[in-house]
Amino acid sequence: MVPADNSLNVFFDLVPTGAALYAPIYDADGELVDFRFTRLNPAGQRLLGLPAQPPRSFREYYPTSEPTGIFA
């Protein structure tokens, strides 16, 4: 049995679907301008070809993402 406090980590690592956790990045005015990857599960790593903690921000990897409204 896995301790309850570790259940989310185990699920995140074992789920066969790519998943990412992000932290918001705000500018000086408090506007959301980007996301920092905090963790990418193994399936996501395989899908995107990135490490568990990608070194660049979301917009650095996906510079054309702003028009999609993801930062609205």
PDB file of N, CA and C in Angstrom:
ATOM      1  N   MET A   1       0.846  -1.185   0.000  1.00  0.00           N
ATOM      2  CA  MET A   1       0.000   0.000   0.000  1.00  0.00           C
ATOM      3  C   MET A   1       0.887   1.243   0.000  1.00  0.00           C
ATOM      4  N   VAL A   2       0.542   2.214  -0.807  1.00  0.00           N
ATOM      5  CA  VAL A   2       1.289   3.466  -0.917  1.00  0.00           C
ATOM      6  C   VAL A   2       0.717   4.468   0.074  1.00  0.00           C
ATOM      7  N   PRO A   3       1.562   5.163   0.855  1.00  0.00           N
ATOM      8  CA  PRO A   3       1.049   6.184   1.775  1.00  0.00           C
ATOM      9  C   PRO A   3       0.247   7.244   1.021  1.00  0.00           C
ATOM     10  N   ALA A   4      -0.805   7.758   1.660  1.00  0.00           N
ATOM     11  CA  ALA A   4      -1.706   8.720   1.019  1.00  0.00           C
ATOM     12  C   ALA A   4      -0.979   9.942   0.490  1.00  0.00           C
ATOM     13  N   ASP A   5       0.025  10.435   1.201  1.00  0.00           N
ATOM     14  CA  ASP A   5       0.723  11.648   0.768  1.00  0.00           C
ATOM     15  C   ASP A   5       1.561  11.414  -0.484  1.00  0.00           C
ATOM     16  N   ASN A   6       1.776  10.173  -0.840  1.00  0.00           N
ATOM     17  CA  ASN A   6       2.571   9.854  -2.020  1.00  0.00           C
ATOM     18  C   ASN A   6       1.696   9.364  -3.178  1.00  0.00           C
ATOM     19  N   SER A   7       0.400   9.213  -2.945  1.00  0.00           N
ATOM     20  CA  SER A   7      -0.494   8.655  -3.962  1.00  0.00           C
ATOM     21  C   SER A   7      -0.511   9.472  -5.242  1.00  0.00           C
ATOM     22  N   LEU A   8      -0.556  10.792  -5.122  1.00  0.00           N
ATOM     23  CA  LEU A   8      -0.591  11.637  -6.312  1.00  0.00           C
ATOM     24  C   LEU A   8       0.696  11.489  -7.117  1.00  0.00           C
ATOM     25  N   ASN A   9       1.832  11.422  -6.436  1.00  0.00           N
ATOM     26  CA  ASN A   9       3.108  11.248  -7.139  1.00  0.00           C
ATOM     27  C   ASN A   9       3.147   9.923  -7.887  1.00  0.00           C
ATOM     28  N   VAL A  10       2.673   8.868  -7.251  1.00  0.00           N
ATOM     29  CA  VAL A  10       2.662   7.550  -7.893  1.00  0.00           C
ATOM     30  C   VAL A  10       1.732   7.576  -9.101  1.00  0.00           C
ATOM     31  N   PHE A  11       0.528   8.126  -8.931  1.00  0.00           N
ATOM     32  CA  PHE A  11      -0.416   8.226 -10.040  1.00  0.00           C
ATOM     33  C   PHE A  11       0.186   9.028 -11.184  1.00  0.00           C
ATOM     34  N   PHE A  12       0.763  10.171 -10.869  1.00  0.00           N
ATOM     35  CA  PHE A  12       1.341  11.053 -11.881  1.00  0.00           C
ATOM     36  C   PHE A  12       2.420  10.328 -12.676  1.00  0.00           C
ATOM     37  N   ASP A  13       3.248   9.562 -11.985  1.00  0.00           N
ATOM     38  CA  ASP A  13       4.338   8.852 -12.659  1.00  0.00           C
ATOM     39  C   ASP A  13       3.864   7.651 -13.474  1.00  0.00           C
ATOM     40  N   LEU A  14       2.769   7.019 -13.065  1.00  0.00           N
ATOM     41  CA  LEU A  14       2.333   5.787 -13.715  1.00  0.00           C
ATOM     42  C   LEU A  14       1.247   5.970 -14.766  1.00  0.00           C
ATOM     43  N   VAL A  15       0.540   7.089 -14.757  1.00  0.00           N
ATOM     44  CA  VAL A  15      -0.533   7.295 -15.728  1.00  0.00           C
ATOM     45  C   VAL A  15       0.067   7.260 -17.139  1.00  0.00           C
ATOM     46  N   PRO A  16      -0.561   6.528 -18.075  1.00  0.00           N
ATOM     47  CA  PRO A  16       0.019   6.387 -19.410  1.00  0.00           C
ATOM     48  C   PRO A  16      -0.170   7.606 -20.311  1.00  0.00           C
ATOM     49  N   THR A  17      -0.903   8.594 -19.842  1.00  0.00           N
ATOM     50  CA  THR A  17      -1.144   9.814 -20.607  1.00  0.00           C
ATOM     51  C   THR A  17      -0.130  10.876 -20.200  1.00  0.00           C
ATOM     52  N   GLY A  18       0.363  11.630 -21.161  1.00  0.00           N
ATOM     53  CA  GLY A  18       1.292  12.710 -20.850  1.00  0.00           C
ATOM     54  C   GLY A  18       0.632  13.759 -19.970  1.00  0.00           C
ATOM     55  N   ALA A  19       1.327  14.170 -18.921  1.00  0.00           N
ATOM     56  CA  ALA A  19       0.802  15.180 -18.002  1.00  0.00           C
ATOM     57  C   ALA A  19       1.935  16.084 -17.544  1.00  0.00           C
ATOM     58  N   ALA A  20       1.592  17.349 -17.330  1.00  0.00           N
ATOM     59  CA  ALA A  20       2.586  18.324 -16.882  1.00  0.00           C
ATOM     60  C   ALA A  20       2.012  19.150 -15.748  1.00  0.00           C
ATOM     61  N   LEU A  21       2.879  19.559 -14.848  1.00  0.00           N
ATOM     62  CA  LEU A  21       2.524  20.515 -13.805  1.00  0.00           C
ATOM     63  C   LEU A  21       3.269  21.800 -14.127  1.00  0.00           C
ATOM     64  N   TYR A  22       2.565  22.917 -14.005  1.00  0.00           N
ATOM     65  CA  TYR A  22       3.141  24.217 -14.341  1.00  0.00           C
ATOM     66  C   TYR A  22       3.019  25.171 -13.162  1.00  0.00           C
ATOM     67  N   ALA A  23       3.907  26.147 -13.113  1.00  0.00           N
ATOM     68  CA  ALA A  23       3.807  27.266 -12.174  1.00  0.00           C
ATOM     69  C   ALA A  23       3.671  28.528 -13.014  1.00  0.00           C
ATOM     70  N   PRO A  24       2.777  29.435 -12.631  1.00  0.00           N
ATOM     71  CA  PRO A  24       2.593  30.658 -13.415  1.00  0.00           C
ATOM     72  C   PRO A  24       3.770  31.611 -13.269  1.00  0.00           C
ATOM     73  N   ILE A  25       4.018  32.376 -14.316  1.00  0.00           N
ATOM     74  CA  ILE A  25       5.025  33.442 -14.295  1.00  0.00           C
ATOM     75  C   ILE A  25       4.289  34.740 -14.603  1.00  0.00           C
ATOM     76  N   TYR A  26       4.415  35.715 -13.705  1.00  0.00           N
ATOM     77  CA  TYR A  26       3.735  37.000 -13.851  1.00  0.00           C
ATOM     78  C   TYR A  26       4.737  38.109 -14.136  1.00  0.00           C
ATOM     79  N   ASP A  27       4.284  39.145 -14.850  1.00  0.00           N
ATOM     80  CA  ASP A  27       5.138  40.313 -15.073  1.00  0.00           C
ATOM     81  C   ASP A  27       4.990  41.274 -13.887  1.00  0.00           C
ATOM     82  N   ALA A  28       5.656  42.422 -13.955  1.00  0.00           N
ATOM     83  CA  ALA A  28       5.652  43.396 -12.862  1.00  0.00           C
ATOM     84  C   ALA A  28       4.252  43.932 -12.558  1.00  0.00           C
ATOM     85  N   ASP A  29       3.358  43.884 -13.534  1.00  0.00           N
ATOM     86  CA  ASP A  29       1.987  44.368 -13.343  1.00  0.00           C
ATOM     87  C   ASP A  29       1.036  43.272 -12.858  1.00  0.00           C
ATOM     88  N   GLY A  30       1.576  42.091 -12.635  1.00  0.00           N
ATOM     89  CA  GLY A  30       0.753  40.989 -12.166  1.00  0.00           C
ATOM     90  C   GLY A  30       0.011  40.243 -13.255  1.00  0.00           C
ATOM     91  N   GLU A  31       0.380  40.494 -14.508  1.00  0.00           N
ATOM     92  CA  GLU A  31      -0.249  39.804 -15.635  1.00  0.00           C
ATOM     93  C   GLU A  31       0.453  38.473 -15.891  1.00  0.00           C
ATOM     94  N   LEU A  32      -0.329  37.453 -16.146  1.00  0.00           N
ATOM     95  CA  LEU A  32       0.230  36.149 -16.488  1.00  0.00           C
ATOM     96  C   LEU A  32       0.908  36.244 -17.847  1.00  0.00           C
ATOM     97  N   VAL A  33       2.193  35.898 -17.894  1.00  0.00           N
ATOM     98  CA  VAL A  33       2.937  36.016 -19.146  1.00  0.00           C
ATOM     99  C   VAL A  33       3.543  34.693 -19.618  1.00  0.00           C
ATOM    100  N   ASP A  34       3.622  33.714 -18.743  1.00  0.00           N
ATOM    101  CA  ASP A  34       4.268  32.462 -19.123  1.00  0.00           C
ATOM    102  C   ASP A  34       4.005  31.424 -18.037  1.00  0.00           C
ATOM    103  N   PHE A  35       4.440  30.212 -18.300  1.00  0.00           N
ATOM    104  CA  PHE A  35       4.398  29.133 -17.329  1.00  0.00           C
ATOM    105  C   PHE A  35       5.777  28.495 -17.257  1.00  0.00           C
ATOM    106  N   ARG A  36       6.129  28.045 -16.069  1.00  0.00           N
ATOM    107  CA  ARG A  36       7.354  27.284 -15.864  1.00  0.00           C
ATOM    108  C   ARG A  36       6.928  25.840 -15.629  1.00  0.00           C
ATOM    109  N   PHE A  37       7.541  24.920 -16.350  1.00  0.00           N
ATOM    110  CA  PHE A  37       7.284  23.507 -16.093  1.00  0.00           C
ATOM    111  C   PHE A  37       7.829  23.188 -14.706  1.00  0.00           C
ATOM    112  N   THR A  38       7.022  22.583 -13.856  1.00  0.00           N
ATOM    113  CA  THR A  38       7.558  22.121 -12.584  1.00  0.00           C
ATOM    114  C   THR A  38       7.805  20.622 -12.609  1.00  0.00           C
ATOM    115  N   ARG A  39       7.045  19.945 -13.482  1.00  0.00           N
ATOM    116  CA  ARG A  39       7.235  18.497 -13.583  1.00  0.00           C
ATOM    117  C   ARG A  39       6.514  17.964 -14.812  1.00  0.00           C
ATOM    118  N   LEU A  40       7.140  17.030 -15.452  1.00  0.00           N
ATOM    119  CA  LEU A  40       6.576  16.361 -16.621  1.00  0.00           C
ATOM    120  C   LEU A  40       6.652  14.861 -16.347  1.00  0.00           C
ATOM    121  N   ASN A  41       5.519  14.165 -16.451  1.00  0.00           N
ATOM    122  CA  ASN A  41       5.553  12.734 -16.132  1.00  0.00           C
ATOM    123  C   ASN A  41       6.269  11.953 -17.243  1.00  0.00           C
ATOM    124  N   PRO A  42       6.615  10.682 -16.994  1.00  0.00           N
ATOM    125  CA  PRO A  42       7.350   9.909 -17.994  1.00  0.00           C
ATOM    126  C   PRO A  42       6.660   9.844 -19.361  1.00  0.00           C
ATOM    127  N   ALA A  43       5.336   9.692 -19.385  1.00  0.00           N
ATOM    128  CA  ALA A  43       4.632   9.657 -20.675  1.00  0.00           C
ATOM    129  C   ALA A  43       4.766  11.001 -21.389  1.00  0.00           C
ATOM    130  N   GLY A  44       4.682  12.088 -20.652  1.00  0.00           N
ATOM    131  CA  GLY A  44       4.861  13.418 -21.234  1.00  0.00           C
ATOM    132  C   GLY A  44       6.275  13.630 -21.740  1.00  0.00           C
ATOM    133  N   GLN A  45       7.239  13.095 -21.015  1.00  0.00           N
ATOM    134  CA  GLN A  45       8.634  13.198 -21.444  1.00  0.00           C
ATOM    135  C   GLN A  45       8.826  12.505 -22.788  1.00  0.00           C
ATOM    136  N   ARG A  46       8.255  11.314 -22.917  1.00  0.00           N
ATOM    137  CA  ARG A  46       8.368  10.581 -24.186  1.00  0.00           C
ATOM    138  C   ARG A  46       7.634  11.317 -25.307  1.00  0.00           C
ATOM    139  N   LEU A  47       6.455  11.810 -25.023  1.00  0.00           N
ATOM    140  CA  LEU A  47       5.634  12.493 -26.017  1.00  0.00           C
ATOM    141  C   LEU A  47       6.297  13.766 -26.527  1.00  0.00           C
ATOM    142  N   LEU A  48       6.846  14.568 -25.611  1.00  0.00           N
ATOM    143  CA  LEU A  48       7.422  15.864 -25.977  1.00  0.00           C
ATOM    144  C   LEU A  48       8.930  15.836 -26.192  1.00  0.00           C
ATOM    145  N   GLY A  49       9.573  14.746 -25.781  1.00  0.00           N
ATOM    146  CA  GLY A  49      11.024  14.671 -25.907  1.00  0.00           C
ATOM    147  C   GLY A  49      11.738  15.623 -24.967  1.00  0.00           C
ATOM    148  N   LEU A  50      11.145  15.841 -23.789  1.00  0.00           N
ATOM    149  CA  LEU A  50      11.712  16.762 -22.804  1.00  0.00           C
ATOM    150  C   LEU A  50      12.036  16.012 -21.520  1.00  0.00           C
ATOM    151  N   PRO A  51      12.919  16.572 -20.684  1.00  0.00           N
ATOM    152  CA  PRO A  51      13.234  15.940 -19.403  1.00  0.00           C
ATOM    153  C   PRO A  51      12.117  16.163 -18.378  1.00  0.00           C
ATOM    154  N   ALA A  52      12.226  15.512 -17.230  1.00  0.00           N
ATOM    155  CA  ALA A  52      11.218  15.614 -16.170  1.00  0.00           C
ATOM    156  C   ALA A  52      11.013  17.050 -15.696  1.00  0.00           C
ATOM    157  N   GLN A  53      12.068  17.846 -15.688  1.00  0.00           N
ATOM    158  CA  GLN A  53      11.978  19.259 -15.315  1.00  0.00           C
ATOM    159  C   GLN A  53      12.601  20.083 -16.441  1.00  0.00           C
ATOM    160  N   PRO A  54      11.816  20.367 -17.473  1.00  0.00           N
ATOM    161  CA  PRO A  54      12.354  21.110 -18.615  1.00  0.00           C
ATOM    162  C   PRO A  54      12.965  22.443 -18.179  1.00  0.00           C
ATOM    163  N   PRO A  55      14.130  22.799 -18.726  1.00  0.00           N
ATOM    164  CA  PRO A  55      14.840  24.000 -18.283  1.00  0.00           C
ATOM    165  C   PRO A  55      14.277  25.312 -18.806  1.00  0.00           C
ATOM    166  N   ARG A  56      13.453  25.255 -19.853  1.00  0.00           N
ATOM    167  CA  ARG A  56      12.922  26.493 -20.431  1.00  0.00           C
ATOM    168  C   ARG A  56      11.439  26.643 -20.099  1.00  0.00           C
ATOM    169  N   SER A  57      10.933  27.847 -20.293  1.00  0.00           N
ATOM    170  CA  SER A  57       9.524  28.112 -20.004  1.00  0.00           C
ATOM    171  C   SER A  57       8.631  27.586 -21.129  1.00  0.00           C
ATOM    172  N   PHE A  58       7.337  27.562 -20.856  1.00  0.00           N
ATOM    173  CA  PHE A  58       6.351  27.108 -21.836  1.00  0.00           C
ATOM    174  C   PHE A  58       6.471  27.894 -23.135  1.00  0.00           C
ATOM    175  N   ARG A  59       6.533  29.229 -23.044  1.00  0.00           N
ATOM    176  CA  ARG A  59       6.596  30.064 -24.254  1.00  0.00           C
ATOM    177  C   ARG A  59       7.913  29.905 -24.996  1.00  0.00           C
ATOM    178  N   GLU A  60       8.970  29.547 -24.288  1.00  0.00           N
ATOM    179  CA  GLU A  60      10.230  29.297 -24.986  1.00  0.00           C
ATOM    180  C   GLU A  60      10.114  28.041 -25.858  1.00  0.00           C
ATOM    181  N   TYR A  61       9.383  27.056 -25.372  1.00  0.00           N
ATOM    182  CA  TYR A  61       9.157  25.848 -26.168  1.00  0.00           C
ATOM    183  C   TYR A  61       8.077  26.062 -27.224  1.00  0.00           C
ATOM    184  N   TYR A  62       7.067  26.860 -26.889  1.00  0.00           N
ATOM    185  CA  TYR A  62       5.905  27.053 -27.766  1.00  0.00           C
ATOM    186  C   TYR A  62       5.650  28.551 -27.987  1.00  0.00           C
ATOM    187  N   PRO A  63       6.504  29.222 -28.749  1.00  0.00           N
ATOM    188  CA  PRO A  63       6.393  30.682 -28.914  1.00  0.00           C
ATOM    189  C   PRO A  63       5.125  31.142 -29.621  1.00  0.00           C
ATOM    190  N   THR A  64       4.450  30.272 -30.327  1.00  0.00           N
ATOM    191  CA  THR A  64       3.224  30.687 -31.023  1.00  0.00           C
ATOM    192  C   THR A  64       1.968  30.408 -30.197  1.00  0.00           C
ATOM    193  N   SER A  65       2.126  30.099 -28.923  1.00  0.00           N
ATOM    194  CA  SER A  65       0.979  29.732 -28.088  1.00  0.00           C
ATOM    195  C   SER A  65       0.127  30.916 -27.652  1.00  0.00           C
ATOM    196  N   GLU A  66       0.657  32.125 -27.645  1.00  0.00           N
ATOM    197  CA  GLU A  66      -0.103  33.274 -27.142  1.00  0.00           C
ATOM    198  C   GLU A  66      -1.419  33.506 -27.881  1.00  0.00           C
ATOM    199  N   PRO A  67      -1.465  33.453 -29.206  1.00  0.00           N
ATOM    200  CA  PRO A  67      -2.746  33.694 -29.894  1.00  0.00           C
ATOM    201  C   PRO A  67      -3.837  32.669 -29.563  1.00  0.00           C
ATOM    202  N   THR A  68      -3.479  31.552 -28.962  1.00  0.00           N
ATOM    203  CA  THR A  68      -4.480  30.537 -28.633  1.00  0.00           C
ATOM    204  C   THR A  68      -5.324  30.929 -27.438  1.00  0.00           C
ATOM    205  N   GLY A  69      -4.912  31.977 -26.713  1.00  0.00           N
ATOM    206  CA  GLY A  69      -5.652  32.420 -25.541  1.00  0.00           C
ATOM    207  C   GLY A  69      -5.238  31.740 -24.257  1.00  0.00           C
ATOM    208  N   ILE A  70      -4.182  30.966 -24.288  1.00  0.00           N
ATOM    209  CA  ILE A  70      -3.750  30.241 -23.100  1.00  0.00           C
ATOM    210  C   ILE A  70      -3.345  31.182 -21.959  1.00  0.00           C
ATOM    211  N   PHE A  71      -2.954  32.407 -22.289  1.00  0.00           N
ATOM    212  CA  PHE A  71      -2.537  33.355 -21.252  1.00  0.00           C
ATOM    213  C   PHE A  71      -3.626  34.364 -20.905  1.00  0.00           C
ATOM    214  N   ALA A  72      -4.809  34.181 -21.418  1.00  0.00           N
ATOM    215  CA  ALA A  72      -5.913  35.124 -21.167  1.00  0.00           C
ATOM    216  C   ALA A  72      -6.498  34.923 -19.782  1.00  0.00           C
TER     217      ALA A  72
END
